[in-house]
PDB file of N, CA and C in Angstrom:
ATOM      1  N   MET A   1      15.384  20.155  -4.458  1.00  0.00           N
ATOM      2  CA  MET A   1      16.547  19.482  -3.949  1.00  0.00           C
ATOM      3  C   MET A   1      17.398  18.936  -5.102  1.00  0.00           C
ATOM      4  N   ARG A   2      16.739  18.372  -6.114  1.00  0.00           N
ATOM      5  CA  ARG A   2      17.474  17.786  -7.233  1.00  0.00           C
ATOM      6  C   ARG A   2      18.315  18.833  -7.946  1.00  0.00           C
ATOM      7  N   ARG A   3      17.802  20.042  -8.059  1.00  0.00           N
ATOM      8  CA  ARG A   3      18.517  21.101  -8.778  1.00  0.00           C
ATOM      9  C   ARG A   3      19.857  21.415  -8.129  1.00  0.00           C
ATOM     10  N   LYS A   4      19.909  21.425  -6.821  1.00  0.00           N
ATOM     11  CA  LYS A   4      21.172  21.724  -6.128  1.00  0.00           C
ATOM     12  C   LYS A   4      22.232  20.662  -6.437  1.00  0.00           C
ATOM     13  N   PHE A   5      21.815  19.406  -6.496  1.00  0.00           N
ATOM     14  CA  PHE A   5      22.767  18.344  -6.852  1.00  0.00           C
ATOM     15  C   PHE A   5      23.122  18.414  -8.332  1.00  0.00           C
ATOM     16  N   PHE A   6      22.171  18.815  -9.155  1.00  0.00           N
ATOM     17  CA  PHE A   6      22.429  18.947 -10.587  1.00  0.00           C
ATOM     18  C   PHE A   6      23.499  20.013 -10.840  1.00  0.00           C
ATOM     19  N   ASP A   7      23.451  21.110 -10.081  1.00  0.00           N
ATOM     20  CA  ASP A   7      24.448  22.173 -10.233  1.00  0.00           C
ATOM     21  C   ASP A   7      25.850  21.700  -9.839  1.00  0.00           C
ATOM     22  N   LEU A   8      25.948  20.738  -8.938  1.00  0.00           N
ATOM     23  CA  LEU A   8      27.235  20.197  -8.509  1.00  0.00           C
ATOM     24  C   LEU A   8      27.744  19.071  -9.405  1.00  0.00           C
ATOM     25  N   ASP A   9      26.909  18.521 -10.258  1.00  0.00           N
ATOM     26  CA  ASP A   9      27.177  17.285 -10.986  1.00  0.00           C
ATOM     27  C   ASP A   9      28.513  17.268 -11.706  1.00  0.00           C
ATOM     28  N   VAL A  10      28.921  18.356 -12.291  1.00  0.00           N
ATOM     29  CA  VAL A  10      30.138  18.381 -13.097  1.00  0.00           C
ATOM     30  C   VAL A  10      31.384  18.161 -12.245  1.00  0.00           C
ATOM     31  N   LYS A  11      31.405  18.691 -11.051  1.00  0.00           N
ATOM     32  CA  LYS A  11      32.623  18.683 -10.245  1.00  0.00           C
ATOM     33  C   LYS A  11      32.717  17.543  -9.229  1.00  0.00           C
ATOM     34  N   PHE A  12      31.592  17.108  -8.688  1.00  0.00           N
ATOM     35  CA  PHE A  12      31.629  16.225  -7.530  1.00  0.00           C
ATOM     36  C   PHE A  12      30.908  14.899  -7.795  1.00  0.00           C
ATOM     37  N   PRO A  13      31.576  13.777  -7.578  1.00  0.00           N
ATOM     38  CA  PRO A  13      30.950  12.474  -7.812  1.00  0.00           C
ATOM     39  C   PRO A  13      29.820  12.162  -6.834  1.00  0.00           C
ATOM     40  N   VAL A  14      29.794  12.812  -5.683  1.00  0.00           N
ATOM     41  CA  VAL A  14      28.702  12.600  -4.733  1.00  0.00           C
ATOM     42  C   VAL A  14      27.384  13.017  -5.379  1.00  0.00           C
ATOM     43  N   ALA A  15      27.397  14.125  -6.084  1.00  0.00           N
ATOM     44  CA  ALA A  15      26.191  14.616  -6.741  1.00  0.00           C
ATOM     45  C   ALA A  15      25.730  13.652  -7.827  1.00  0.00           C
ATOM     46  N   THR A  16      26.656  13.074  -8.551  1.00  0.00           N
ATOM     47  CA  THR A  16      26.306  12.114  -9.590  1.00  0.00           C
ATOM     48  C   THR A  16      25.593  10.906  -8.990  1.00  0.00           C
ATOM     49  N   GLY A  17      26.083  10.420  -7.861  1.00  0.00           N
ATOM     50  CA  GLY A  17      25.451   9.282  -7.192  1.00  0.00           C
ATOM     51  C   GLY A  17      24.036   9.593  -6.730  1.00  0.00           C
ATOM     52  N   VAL A  18      23.837  10.791  -6.203  1.00  0.00           N
ATOM     53  CA  VAL A  18      22.502  11.187  -5.753  1.00  0.00           C
ATOM     54  C   VAL A  18      21.561  11.302  -6.938  1.00  0.00           C
ATOM     55  N   LEU A  19      22.020  11.920  -8.014  1.00  0.00           N
ATOM     56  CA  LEU A  19      21.163  12.072  -9.194  1.00  0.00           C
ATOM     57  C   LEU A  19      20.786  10.725  -9.787  1.00  0.00           C
ATOM     58  N   LYS A  20      21.706   9.775  -9.793  1.00  0.00           N
ATOM     59  CA  LYS A  20      21.381   8.435 -10.290  1.00  0.00           C
ATOM     60  C   LYS A  20      20.326   7.772  -9.419  1.00  0.00           C
ATOM     61  N   ARG A  21      20.418   7.965  -8.112  1.00  0.00           N
ATOM     62  CA  ARG A  21      19.426   7.383  -7.203  1.00  0.00           C
ATOM     63  C   ARG A  21      18.054   8.027  -7.402  1.00  0.00           C
ATOM     64  N   ILE A  22      18.044   9.339  -7.610  1.00  0.00           N
ATOM     65  CA  ILE A  22      16.767  10.035  -7.797  1.00  0.00           C
ATOM     66  C   ILE A  22      16.132   9.641  -9.122  1.00  0.00           C
ATOM     67  N   THR A  23      16.889   9.679 -10.204  1.00  0.00           N
ATOM     68  CA  THR A  23      16.314   9.372 -11.509  1.00  0.00           C
ATOM     69  C   THR A  23      16.002   7.893 -11.662  1.00  0.00           C
ATOM     70  N   GLY A  24      16.744   7.038 -10.980  1.00  0.00           N
ATOM     71  CA  GLY A  24      16.470   5.608 -11.038  1.00  0.00           C
ATOM     72  C   GLY A  24      15.205   5.222 -10.306  1.00  0.00           C
ATOM     73  N   SER A  25      14.770   6.061  -9.381  1.00  0.00           N
ATOM     74  CA  SER A  25      13.572   5.741  -8.605  1.00  0.00           C
ATOM     75  C   SER A  25      12.297   6.220  -9.268  1.00  0.00           C
ATOM     76  N   ILE A  26      12.425   7.105 -10.262  1.00  0.00           N
ATOM     77  CA  ILE A  26      11.240   7.622 -10.949  1.00  0.00           C
ATOM     78  C   ILE A  26      10.844   6.642 -12.039  1.00  0.00           C
ATOM     79  N   PRO A  27       9.591   6.207 -12.036  1.00  0.00           N
ATOM     80  CA  PRO A  27       9.173   5.259 -13.074  1.00  0.00           C
ATOM     81  C   PRO A  27       9.222   5.892 -14.455  1.00  0.00           C
ATOM     82  N   SER A  28       9.539   5.096 -15.441  1.00  0.00           N
ATOM     83  CA  SER A  28       9.650   5.607 -16.806  1.00  0.00           C
ATOM     84  C   SER A  28       8.298   5.697 -17.502  1.00  0.00           C
ATOM     85  N   ARG A  29       7.284   5.102 -16.931  1.00  0.00           N
ATOM     86  CA  ARG A  29       5.967   5.158 -17.564  1.00  0.00           C
ATOM     87  C   ARG A  29       5.335   6.525 -17.334  1.00  0.00           C
ATOM     88  N   ALA A  30       4.272   6.801 -18.057  1.00  0.00           N
ATOM     89  CA  ALA A  30       3.591   8.083 -17.948  1.00  0.00           C
ATOM     90  C   ALA A  30       3.028   8.269 -16.542  1.00  0.00           C
ATOM     91  N   THR A  31       3.033   9.502 -16.084  1.00  0.00           N
ATOM     92  CA  THR A  31       2.534   9.770 -14.741  1.00  0.00           C
ATOM     93  C   THR A  31       1.032  10.010 -14.727  1.00  0.00           C
ATOM     94  N   PHE A  32       0.440  10.260 -15.875  1.00  0.00           N
ATOM     95  CA  PHE A  32      -0.991  10.497 -15.947  1.00  0.00           C
ATOM     96  C   PHE A  32      -1.705   9.181 -16.260  1.00  0.00           C
ATOM     97  N   VAL A  33      -2.054   8.466 -15.207  1.00  0.00           N
ATOM     98  CA  VAL A  33      -2.703   7.165 -15.327  1.00  0.00           C
ATOM     99  C   VAL A  33      -4.061   7.271 -14.651  1.00  0.00           C
ATOM    100  N   ALA A  34      -5.034   6.627 -15.227  1.00  0.00           N
ATOM    101  CA  ALA A  34      -6.372   6.659 -14.642  1.00  0.00           C
ATOM    102  C   ALA A  34      -6.330   6.149 -13.205  1.00  0.00           C
ATOM    103  N   ALA A  35      -7.176   6.701 -12.372  1.00  0.00           N
ATOM    104  CA  ALA A  35      -7.182   6.357 -10.949  1.00  0.00           C
ATOM    105  C   ALA A  35      -7.422   4.870 -10.721  1.00  0.00           C
ATOM    106  N   GLN A  36      -8.201   4.227 -11.577  1.00  0.00           N
ATOM    107  CA  GLN A  36      -8.495   2.808 -11.420  1.00  0.00           C
ATOM    108  C   GLN A  36      -7.262   1.944 -11.683  1.00  0.00           C
ATOM    109  N   CYS A  37      -6.324   2.454 -12.471  1.00  0.00           N
ATOM    110  CA  CYS A  37      -5.143   1.677 -12.849  1.00  0.00           C
ATOM    111  C   CYS A  37      -3.966   1.869 -11.893  1.00  0.00           C
ATOM    112  N   ARG A  38      -4.016   2.901 -11.074  1.00  0.00           N
ATOM    113  CA  ARG A  38      -2.924   3.175 -10.146  1.00  0.00           C
ATOM    114  C   ARG A  38      -3.016   2.287  -8.921  1.00  0.00           C
ATOM    115  N   PRO A  39      -1.874   1.963  -8.327  1.00  0.00           N
ATOM    116  CA  PRO A  39      -1.930   1.244  -7.052  1.00  0.00           C
ATOM    117  C   PRO A  39      -2.484   2.183  -5.976  1.00  0.00           C
ATOM    118  N   PRO A  40      -3.004   1.643  -4.905  1.00  0.00           N
ATOM    119  CA  PRO A  40      -3.540   2.489  -3.836  1.00  0.00           C
ATOM    120  C   PRO A  40      -2.464   3.416  -3.266  1.00  0.00           C
ATOM    121  N   ARG A  41      -2.905   4.511  -2.699  1.00  0.00           N
ATOM    122  CA  ARG A  41      -1.997   5.511  -2.150  1.00  0.00           C
ATOM    123  C   ARG A  41      -1.050   4.901  -1.107  1.00  0.00           C
ATOM    124  N   ALA A  42      -1.545   4.022  -0.287  1.00  0.00           N
ATOM    125  CA  ALA A  42      -0.707   3.407   0.746  1.00  0.00           C
ATOM    126  C   ALA A  42       0.448   2.624   0.126  1.00  0.00           C
ATOM    127  N   VAL A  43       0.192   1.949  -0.975  1.00  0.00           N
ATOM    128  CA  VAL A  43       1.246   1.188  -1.662  1.00  0.00           C
ATOM    129  C   VAL A  43       2.283   2.142  -2.239  1.00  0.00           C
ATOM    130  N   ARG A  44       1.819   3.228  -2.849  1.00  0.00           N
ATOM    131  CA  ARG A  44       2.742   4.220  -3.415  1.00  0.00           C
ATOM    132  C   ARG A  44       3.571   4.875  -2.309  1.00  0.00           C
ATOM    133  N   ASN A  45       2.930   5.186  -1.182  1.00  0.00           N
ATOM    134  CA  ASN A  45       3.661   5.800  -0.070  1.00  0.00           C
ATOM    135  C   ASN A  45       4.696   4.853   0.512  1.00  0.00           C
ATOM    136  N   ASP A  46       4.356   3.578   0.619  1.00  0.00           N
ATOM    137  CA  ASP A  46       5.325   2.593   1.112  1.00  0.00           C
ATOM    138  C   ASP A  46       6.530   2.499   0.190  1.00  0.00           C
ATOM    139  N   HIS A  47       6.277   2.510  -1.118  1.00  0.00           N
ATOM    140  CA  HIS A  47       7.359   2.452  -2.105  1.00  0.00           C
ATOM    141  C   HIS A  47       8.227   3.712  -2.008  1.00  0.00           C
ATOM    142  N   ALA A  48       7.592   4.861  -1.873  1.00  0.00           N
ATOM    143  CA  ALA A  48       8.334   6.118  -1.771  1.00  0.00           C
ATOM    144  C   ALA A  48       9.155   6.160  -0.488  1.00  0.00           C
ATOM    145  N   ARG A  49       8.626   5.637   0.602  1.00  0.00           N
ATOM    146  CA  ARG A  49       9.339   5.644   1.883  1.00  0.00           C
ATOM    147  C   ARG A  49      10.645   4.864   1.776  1.00  0.00           C
ATOM    148  N   VAL A  50      10.623   3.746   1.074  1.00  0.00           N
ATOM    149  CA  VAL A  50      11.837   2.943   0.886  1.00  0.00           C
ATOM    150  C   VAL A  50      12.884   3.752   0.123  1.00  0.00           C
ATOM    151  N   ILE A  51      12.462   4.441  -0.912  1.00  0.00           N
ATOM    152  CA  ILE A  51      13.377   5.235  -1.734  1.00  0.00           C
ATOM    153  C   ILE A  51      13.963   6.387  -0.923  1.00  0.00           C
ATOM    154  N   VAL A  52      13.122   7.086  -0.177  1.00  0.00           N
ATOM    155  CA  VAL A  52      13.578   8.227   0.612  1.00  0.00           C
ATOM    156  C   VAL A  52      14.527   7.777   1.727  1.00  0.00           C
ATOM    157  N   ASP A  53      14.199   6.675   2.384  1.00  0.00           N
ATOM    158  CA  ASP A  53      15.078   6.161   3.439  1.00  0.00           C
ATOM    159  C   ASP A  53      16.442   5.757   2.890  1.00  0.00           C
ATOM    160  N   ASP A  54      16.445   5.123   1.724  1.00  0.00           N
ATOM    161  CA  ASP A  54      17.705   4.734   1.081  1.00  0.00           C
ATOM    162  C   ASP A  54      18.536   5.972   0.746  1.00  0.00           C
ATOM    163  N   LEU A  55      17.888   6.993   0.217  1.00  0.00           N
ATOM    164  CA  LEU A  55      18.595   8.230  -0.129  1.00  0.00           C
ATOM    165  C   LEU A  55      19.138   8.906   1.130  1.00  0.00           C
ATOM    166  N   ARG A  56      18.375   8.894   2.212  1.00  0.00           N
ATOM    167  CA  ARG A  56      18.827   9.503   3.473  1.00  0.00           C
ATOM    168  C   ARG A  56      20.086   8.801   3.999  1.00  0.00           C
ATOM    169  N   HIS A  57      20.083   7.477   3.991  1.00  0.00           N
ATOM    170  CA  HIS A  57      21.253   6.722   4.450  1.00  0.00           C
ATOM    171  C   HIS A  57      22.470   7.021   3.568  1.00  0.00           C
ATOM    172  N   TYR A  58      22.247   7.085   2.277  1.00  0.00           N
ATOM    173  CA  TYR A  58      23.328   7.391   1.337  1.00  0.00           C
ATOM    174  C   TYR A  58      23.906   8.784   1.607  1.00  0.00           C
ATOM    175  N   LEU A  59      23.023   9.773   1.804  1.00  0.00           N
ATOM    176  CA  LEU A  59      23.482  11.139   2.048  1.00  0.00           C
ATOM    177  C   LEU A  59      24.223  11.259   3.378  1.00  0.00           C
ATOM    178  N   GLU A  60      23.718  10.600   4.408  1.00  0.00           N
ATOM    179  CA  GLU A  60      24.399  10.645   5.705  1.00  0.00           C
ATOM    180  C   GLU A  60      25.799  10.041   5.624  1.00  0.00           C
ATOM    181  N   ALA A  61      25.944   8.969   4.871  1.00  0.00           N
ATOM    182  CA  ALA A  61      27.256   8.347   4.705  1.00  0.00           C
ATOM    183  C   ALA A  61      28.197   9.259   3.920  1.00  0.00           C
ATOM    184  N   ARG A  62      27.698   9.896   2.876  1.00  0.00           N
ATOM    185  CA  ARG A  62      28.533  10.772   2.061  1.00  0.00           C
ATOM    186  C   ARG A  62      28.901  12.045   2.806  1.00  0.00           C
ATOM    187  N   LEU A  63      28.048  12.512   3.720  1.00  0.00           N
ATOM    188  CA  LEU A  63      28.335  13.734   4.463  1.00  0.00           C
ATOM    189  C   LEU A  63      29.605  13.584   5.291  1.00  0.00           C
ATOM    190  N   HIS A  64      29.869  12.397   5.785  1.00  0.00           N
ATOM    191  CA  HIS A  64      31.066  12.164   6.581  1.00  0.00           C
ATOM    192  C   HIS A  64      32.322  12.038   5.715  1.00  0.00           C
ATOM    193  N   GLU A  65      32.144  11.881   4.410  1.00  0.00           N
ATOM    194  CA  GLU A  65      33.284  11.712   3.511  1.00  0.00           C
ATOM    195  C   GLU A  65      33.782  13.021   2.907  1.00  0.00           C
ATOM    196  N   VAL A  66      32.938  14.043   2.916  1.00  0.00           N
ATOM    197  CA  VAL A  66      33.326  15.312   2.290  1.00  0.00           C
ATOM    198  C   VAL A  66      33.662  16.336   3.369  1.00  0.00           C
ATOM    199  N   SER A  67      34.458  17.312   2.999  1.00  0.00           N
ATOM    200  CA  SER A  67      34.832  18.378   3.918  1.00  0.00           C
ATOM    201  C   SER A  67      33.596  19.198   4.275  1.00  0.00           C
ATOM    202  N   ALA A  68      33.467  19.546   5.541  1.00  0.00           N
ATOM    203  CA  ALA A  68      32.282  20.259   6.024  1.00  0.00           C
ATOM    204  C   ALA A  68      32.153  21.662   5.433  1.00  0.00           C
ATOM    205  N   LYS A  69      33.251  22.220   4.951  1.00  0.00           N
ATOM    206  CA  LYS A  69      33.223  23.586   4.436  1.00  0.00           C
ATOM    207  C   LYS A  69      33.004  23.665   2.931  1.00  0.00           C
ATOM    208  N   ARG A  70      32.967  22.544   2.263  1.00  0.00           N
ATOM    209  CA  ARG A  70      32.810  22.542   0.800  1.00  0.00           C
ATOM    210  C   ARG A  70      31.346  22.562   0.413  1.00  0.00           C
ATOM    211  N   LYS A  71      31.096  22.922  -0.814  1.00  0.00           N
ATOM    212  CA  LYS A  71      29.733  23.060  -1.332  1.00  0.00           C
ATOM    213  C   LYS A  71      28.933  21.754  -1.265  1.00  0.00           C
ATOM    214  N   PRO A  72      29.513  20.578  -1.568  1.00  0.00           N
ATOM    215  CA  PRO A  72      28.719  19.346  -1.479  1.00  0.00           C
ATOM    216  C   PRO A  72      28.162  19.101  -0.076  1.00  0.00           C
ATOM    217  N   ALA A  73      28.932  19.418   0.943  1.00  0.00           N
ATOM    218  CA  ALA A  73      28.441  19.229   2.313  1.00  0.00           C
ATOM    219  C   ALA A  73      27.260  20.144   2.589  1.00  0.00           C
ATOM    220  N   GLU A  74      27.332  21.355   2.082  1.00  0.00           N
ATOM    221  CA  GLU A  74      26.219  22.298   2.252  1.00  0.00           C
ATOM    222  C   GLU A  74      24.950  21.774   1.581  1.00  0.00           C
ATOM    223  N   VAL A  75      25.098  21.262   0.378  1.00  0.00           N
ATOM    224  CA  VAL A  75      23.947  20.742  -0.362  1.00  0.00           C
ATOM    225  C   VAL A  75      23.393  19.486   0.318  1.00  0.00           C
ATOM    226  N   ILE A  76      24.250  18.626   0.807  1.00  0.00           N
ATOM    227  CA  ILE A  76      23.802  17.414   1.495  1.00  0.00           C
ATOM    228  C   ILE A  76      23.061  17.780   2.775  1.00  0.00           C
ATOM    229  N   ARG A  77      23.590  18.737   3.531  1.00  0.00           N
ATOM    230  CA  ARG A  77      22.887  19.165   4.751  1.00  0.00           C
ATOM    231  C   ARG A  77      21.526  19.757   4.415  1.00  0.00           C
ATOM    232  N   TYR A  78      21.459  20.519   3.323  1.00  0.00           N
ATOM    233  CA  TYR A  78      20.183  21.073   2.878  1.00  0.00           C
ATOM    234  C   TYR A  78      19.189  19.962   2.573  1.00  0.00           C
ATOM    235  N   ALA A  79      19.645  18.944   1.851  1.00  0.00           N
ATOM    236  CA  ALA A  79      18.763  17.833   1.472  1.00  0.00           C
ATOM    237  C   ALA A  79      18.316  17.045   2.698  1.00  0.00           C
ATOM    238  N   LEU A  80      19.190  16.855   3.656  1.00  0.00           N
ATOM    239  CA  LEU A  80      18.834  16.087   4.848  1.00  0.00           C
ATOM    240  C   LEU A  80      17.812  16.808   5.727  1.00  0.00           C
ATOM    241  N   THR A  81      17.754  18.107   5.638  1.00  0.00           N
ATOM    242  CA  THR A  81      16.776  18.848   6.437  1.00  0.00           C
ATOM    243  C   THR A  81      15.412  18.914   5.758  1.00  0.00           C
ATOM    244  N   ARG A  82      15.319  18.479   4.532  1.00  0.00           N
ATOM    245  CA  ARG A  82      14.036  18.545   3.822  1.00  0.00           C
ATOM    246  C   ARG A  82      13.292  17.252   3.965  1.00  0.00           C
TER     247      ARG A  82
END
């Protein structure tokens, strides 16, 4: 999904906003952490759910702002179905 927005980044500010939301939600620390040091799966899933819900609301709002026949609308619809 990120790649489709990355391809639009140069032309459309909607894509820039989505990419900032995606990259801002990824922790900057290393992803390979010992199992004892990681938070429980339920905590990670709760955190991810907040991020995904925020992105969904953002995409739904932007979908109404762009023309339905343009490429950004196609990419947003693709992302919303995933």
